[in-house]
Amino acid sequence: MSLLRLRYHYQQIRRNIPLTNQIPVSWLTALERRELKEALWAVARIQQNIELLFQTDLFA
């Protein structure tokens, strides 16, 4: 993700656009979109496991 942000910042600097960390999904390649989707899926699974393990729904 850091490399994506650096590459996006480089493009923003070249175009004299204020820097932001919000990278449009349309700017990503198909491979990067797939990798992002897989990473977010993995995070969701981990969050579900933590919720089950610690029963965090009892605190909400």
N, C-alpha and C. Protein backbone atom coordinates (compact mmCIF):
# COMPACT_ATOMS: atom_id res chain seq x y z
N MET A 1 0.82 -1.19 0.00
CA MET A 1 0.00 0.00 0.00
C MET A 1 0.87 1.26 0.00
N SER A 2 1.99 1.18 0.67
CA SER A 2 2.87 2.36 0.71
C SER A 2 3.38 2.70 -0.68
N LEU A 3 3.70 1.69 -1.46
CA LEU A 3 4.19 1.94 -2.81
C LEU A 3 3.10 2.57 -3.67
N LEU A 4 1.87 2.12 -3.50
CA LEU A 4 0.76 2.74 -4.23
C LEU A 4 0.62 4.21 -3.87
N ARG A 5 0.69 4.49 -2.58
CA ARG A 5 0.55 5.88 -2.14
C ARG A 5 1.70 6.74 -2.66
N LEU A 6 2.91 6.22 -2.64
CA LEU A 6 4.04 6.99 -3.17
C LEU A 6 3.88 7.25 -4.66
N ARG A 7 3.45 6.23 -5.39
CA ARG A 7 3.26 6.40 -6.83
C ARG A 7 2.16 7.43 -7.11
N TYR A 8 1.08 7.38 -6.33
CA TYR A 8 -0.01 8.33 -6.51
C TYR A 8 0.44 9.74 -6.14
N HIS A 9 1.20 9.87 -5.05
CA HIS A 9 1.73 11.19 -4.66
C HIS A 9 2.62 11.76 -5.76
N TYR A 10 3.43 10.91 -6.34
CA TYR A 10 4.32 11.35 -7.43
C TYR A 10 3.49 11.94 -8.57
N GLN A 11 2.41 11.26 -8.94
CA GLN A 11 1.55 11.76 -10.01
C GLN A 11 0.87 13.08 -9.62
N GLN A 12 0.47 13.20 -8.36
CA GLN A 12 -0.15 14.43 -7.90
C GLN A 12 0.84 15.58 -7.94
N ILE A 13 2.07 15.35 -7.53
CA ILE A 13 3.11 16.38 -7.55
C ILE A 13 3.38 16.82 -8.98
N ARG A 14 3.48 15.85 -9.90
CA ARG A 14 3.74 16.18 -11.31
C ARG A 14 2.62 17.03 -11.89
N ARG A 15 1.39 16.83 -11.43
CA ARG A 15 0.24 17.57 -11.95
C ARG A 15 -0.10 18.79 -11.11
N ASN A 16 0.74 19.06 -10.10
CA ASN A 16 0.53 20.20 -9.21
C ASN A 16 -0.84 20.14 -8.52
N ILE A 17 -1.19 18.94 -8.06
CA ILE A 17 -2.45 18.70 -7.35
C ILE A 17 -2.11 18.50 -5.87
N PRO A 18 -2.90 19.06 -4.96
CA PRO A 18 -2.63 18.84 -3.53
C PRO A 18 -2.60 17.34 -3.19
N LEU A 19 -1.65 16.96 -2.35
CA LEU A 19 -1.49 15.55 -1.98
C LEU A 19 -2.63 15.06 -1.11
N THR A 20 -3.03 13.84 -1.38
CA THR A 20 -4.05 13.18 -0.57
C THR A 20 -3.71 11.69 -0.50
N ASN A 21 -4.15 11.05 0.55
CA ASN A 21 -3.93 9.62 0.70
C ASN A 21 -5.11 8.81 0.18
N GLN A 22 -6.11 9.46 -0.36
CA GLN A 22 -7.27 8.78 -0.90
C GLN A 22 -7.03 8.48 -2.38
N ILE A 23 -6.74 7.22 -2.66
CA ILE A 23 -6.43 6.79 -4.02
C ILE A 23 -7.72 6.29 -4.67
N PRO A 24 -8.13 6.89 -5.77
CA PRO A 24 -9.34 6.40 -6.45
C PRO A 24 -9.13 4.97 -6.94
N VAL A 25 -10.14 4.13 -6.75
CA VAL A 25 -10.04 2.74 -7.19
C VAL A 25 -9.82 2.69 -8.71
N SER A 26 -10.38 3.62 -9.43
CA SER A 26 -10.22 3.66 -10.89
C SER A 26 -8.76 3.86 -11.29
N TRP A 27 -7.94 4.37 -10.40
CA TRP A 27 -6.53 4.61 -10.68
C TRP A 27 -5.72 3.32 -10.56
N LEU A 28 -6.26 2.31 -9.90
CA LEU A 28 -5.55 1.06 -9.69
C LEU A 28 -5.64 0.17 -10.92
N THR A 29 -4.61 -0.65 -11.10
CA THR A 29 -4.65 -1.64 -12.17
C THR A 29 -5.57 -2.78 -11.74
N ALA A 30 -5.92 -3.64 -12.67
CA ALA A 30 -6.79 -4.78 -12.35
C ALA A 30 -6.14 -5.67 -11.29
N LEU A 31 -4.85 -5.88 -11.39
CA LEU A 31 -4.13 -6.69 -10.41
C LEU A 31 -4.16 -6.04 -9.03
N GLU A 32 -3.94 -4.74 -8.97
CA GLU A 32 -3.96 -4.02 -7.69
C GLU A 32 -5.36 -4.06 -7.07
N ARG A 33 -6.39 -3.92 -7.90
CA ARG A 33 -7.76 -4.01 -7.38
C ARG A 33 -8.03 -5.39 -6.80
N ARG A 34 -7.58 -6.43 -7.49
CA ARG A 34 -7.77 -7.79 -6.99
C ARG A 34 -7.03 -8.01 -5.69
N GLU A 35 -5.79 -7.53 -5.61
CA GLU A 35 -5.00 -7.66 -4.38
C GLU A 35 -5.64 -6.89 -3.23
N LEU A 36 -6.16 -5.71 -3.51
CA LEU A 36 -6.84 -4.92 -2.48
C LEU A 36 -8.08 -5.65 -1.98
N LYS A 37 -8.85 -6.19 -2.92
CA LYS A 37 -10.05 -6.93 -2.55
C LYS A 37 -9.70 -8.13 -1.67
N GLU A 38 -8.65 -8.86 -2.03
CA GLU A 38 -8.23 -10.02 -1.24
C GLU A 38 -7.75 -9.59 0.15
N ALA A 39 -7.03 -8.48 0.22
CA ALA A 39 -6.54 -8.00 1.51
C ALA A 39 -7.70 -7.58 2.41
N LEU A 40 -8.68 -6.89 1.85
CA LEU A 40 -9.84 -6.47 2.64
C LEU A 40 -10.66 -7.67 3.09
N TRP A 41 -10.76 -8.69 2.23
CA TRP A 41 -11.46 -9.92 2.61
C TRP A 41 -10.75 -10.58 3.78
N ALA A 42 -9.41 -10.64 3.73
CA ALA A 42 -8.64 -11.25 4.82
C ALA A 42 -8.84 -10.48 6.13
N VAL A 43 -8.86 -9.16 6.06
CA VAL A 43 -9.08 -8.35 7.26
C VAL A 43 -10.46 -8.63 7.83
N ALA A 44 -11.46 -8.73 6.97
CA ALA A 44 -12.82 -9.02 7.44
C ALA A 44 -12.88 -10.37 8.13
N ARG A 45 -12.20 -11.37 7.59
CA ARG A 45 -12.18 -12.69 8.21
C ARG A 45 -11.49 -12.65 9.58
N ILE A 46 -10.41 -11.93 9.68
CA ILE A 46 -9.70 -11.80 10.95
C ILE A 46 -10.59 -11.10 11.97
N GLN A 47 -11.28 -10.05 11.55
CA GLN A 47 -12.18 -9.33 12.45
C GLN A 47 -13.30 -10.25 12.94
N GLN A 48 -13.83 -11.09 12.06
CA GLN A 48 -14.86 -12.04 12.47
C GLN A 48 -14.32 -13.03 13.49
N ASN A 49 -13.11 -13.52 13.27
CA ASN A 49 -12.50 -14.46 14.21
C ASN A 49 -12.25 -13.82 15.57
N ILE A 50 -11.81 -12.58 15.56
CA ILE A 50 -11.58 -11.86 16.82
C ILE A 50 -12.91 -11.66 17.55
N GLU A 51 -13.95 -11.31 16.79
CA GLU A 51 -15.26 -11.13 17.39
C GLU A 51 -15.74 -12.42 18.06
N LEU A 52 -15.54 -13.54 17.39
CA LEU A 52 -15.93 -14.82 17.98
C LEU A 52 -15.08 -15.17 19.19
N LEU A 53 -13.79 -14.94 19.07
CA LEU A 53 -12.86 -15.30 20.13
C LEU A 53 -13.11 -14.48 21.41
N PHE A 54 -13.31 -13.21 21.25
CA PHE A 54 -13.46 -12.31 22.40
C PHE A 54 -14.91 -11.91 22.65
N GLN A 55 -15.82 -12.38 21.83
CA GLN A 55 -17.24 -12.04 21.95
C GLN A 55 -17.45 -10.55 22.12
N THR A 56 -16.87 -9.80 21.17
CA THR A 56 -16.91 -8.33 21.24
C THR A 56 -18.33 -7.79 21.07
N ASP A 57 -19.24 -8.59 20.51
CA ASP A 57 -20.60 -8.10 20.34
C ASP A 57 -21.31 -7.87 21.67
N LEU A 58 -20.75 -8.40 22.76
CA LEU A 58 -21.34 -8.20 24.08
C LEU A 58 -21.10 -6.79 24.60
N PHE A 59 -20.11 -6.09 24.05
CA PHE A 59 -19.74 -4.75 24.51
C PHE A 59 -20.43 -3.64 23.74
N ALA A 60 -21.07 -3.95 22.66
CA ALA A 60 -21.67 -2.92 21.82
C ALA A 60 -23.05 -2.52 22.30
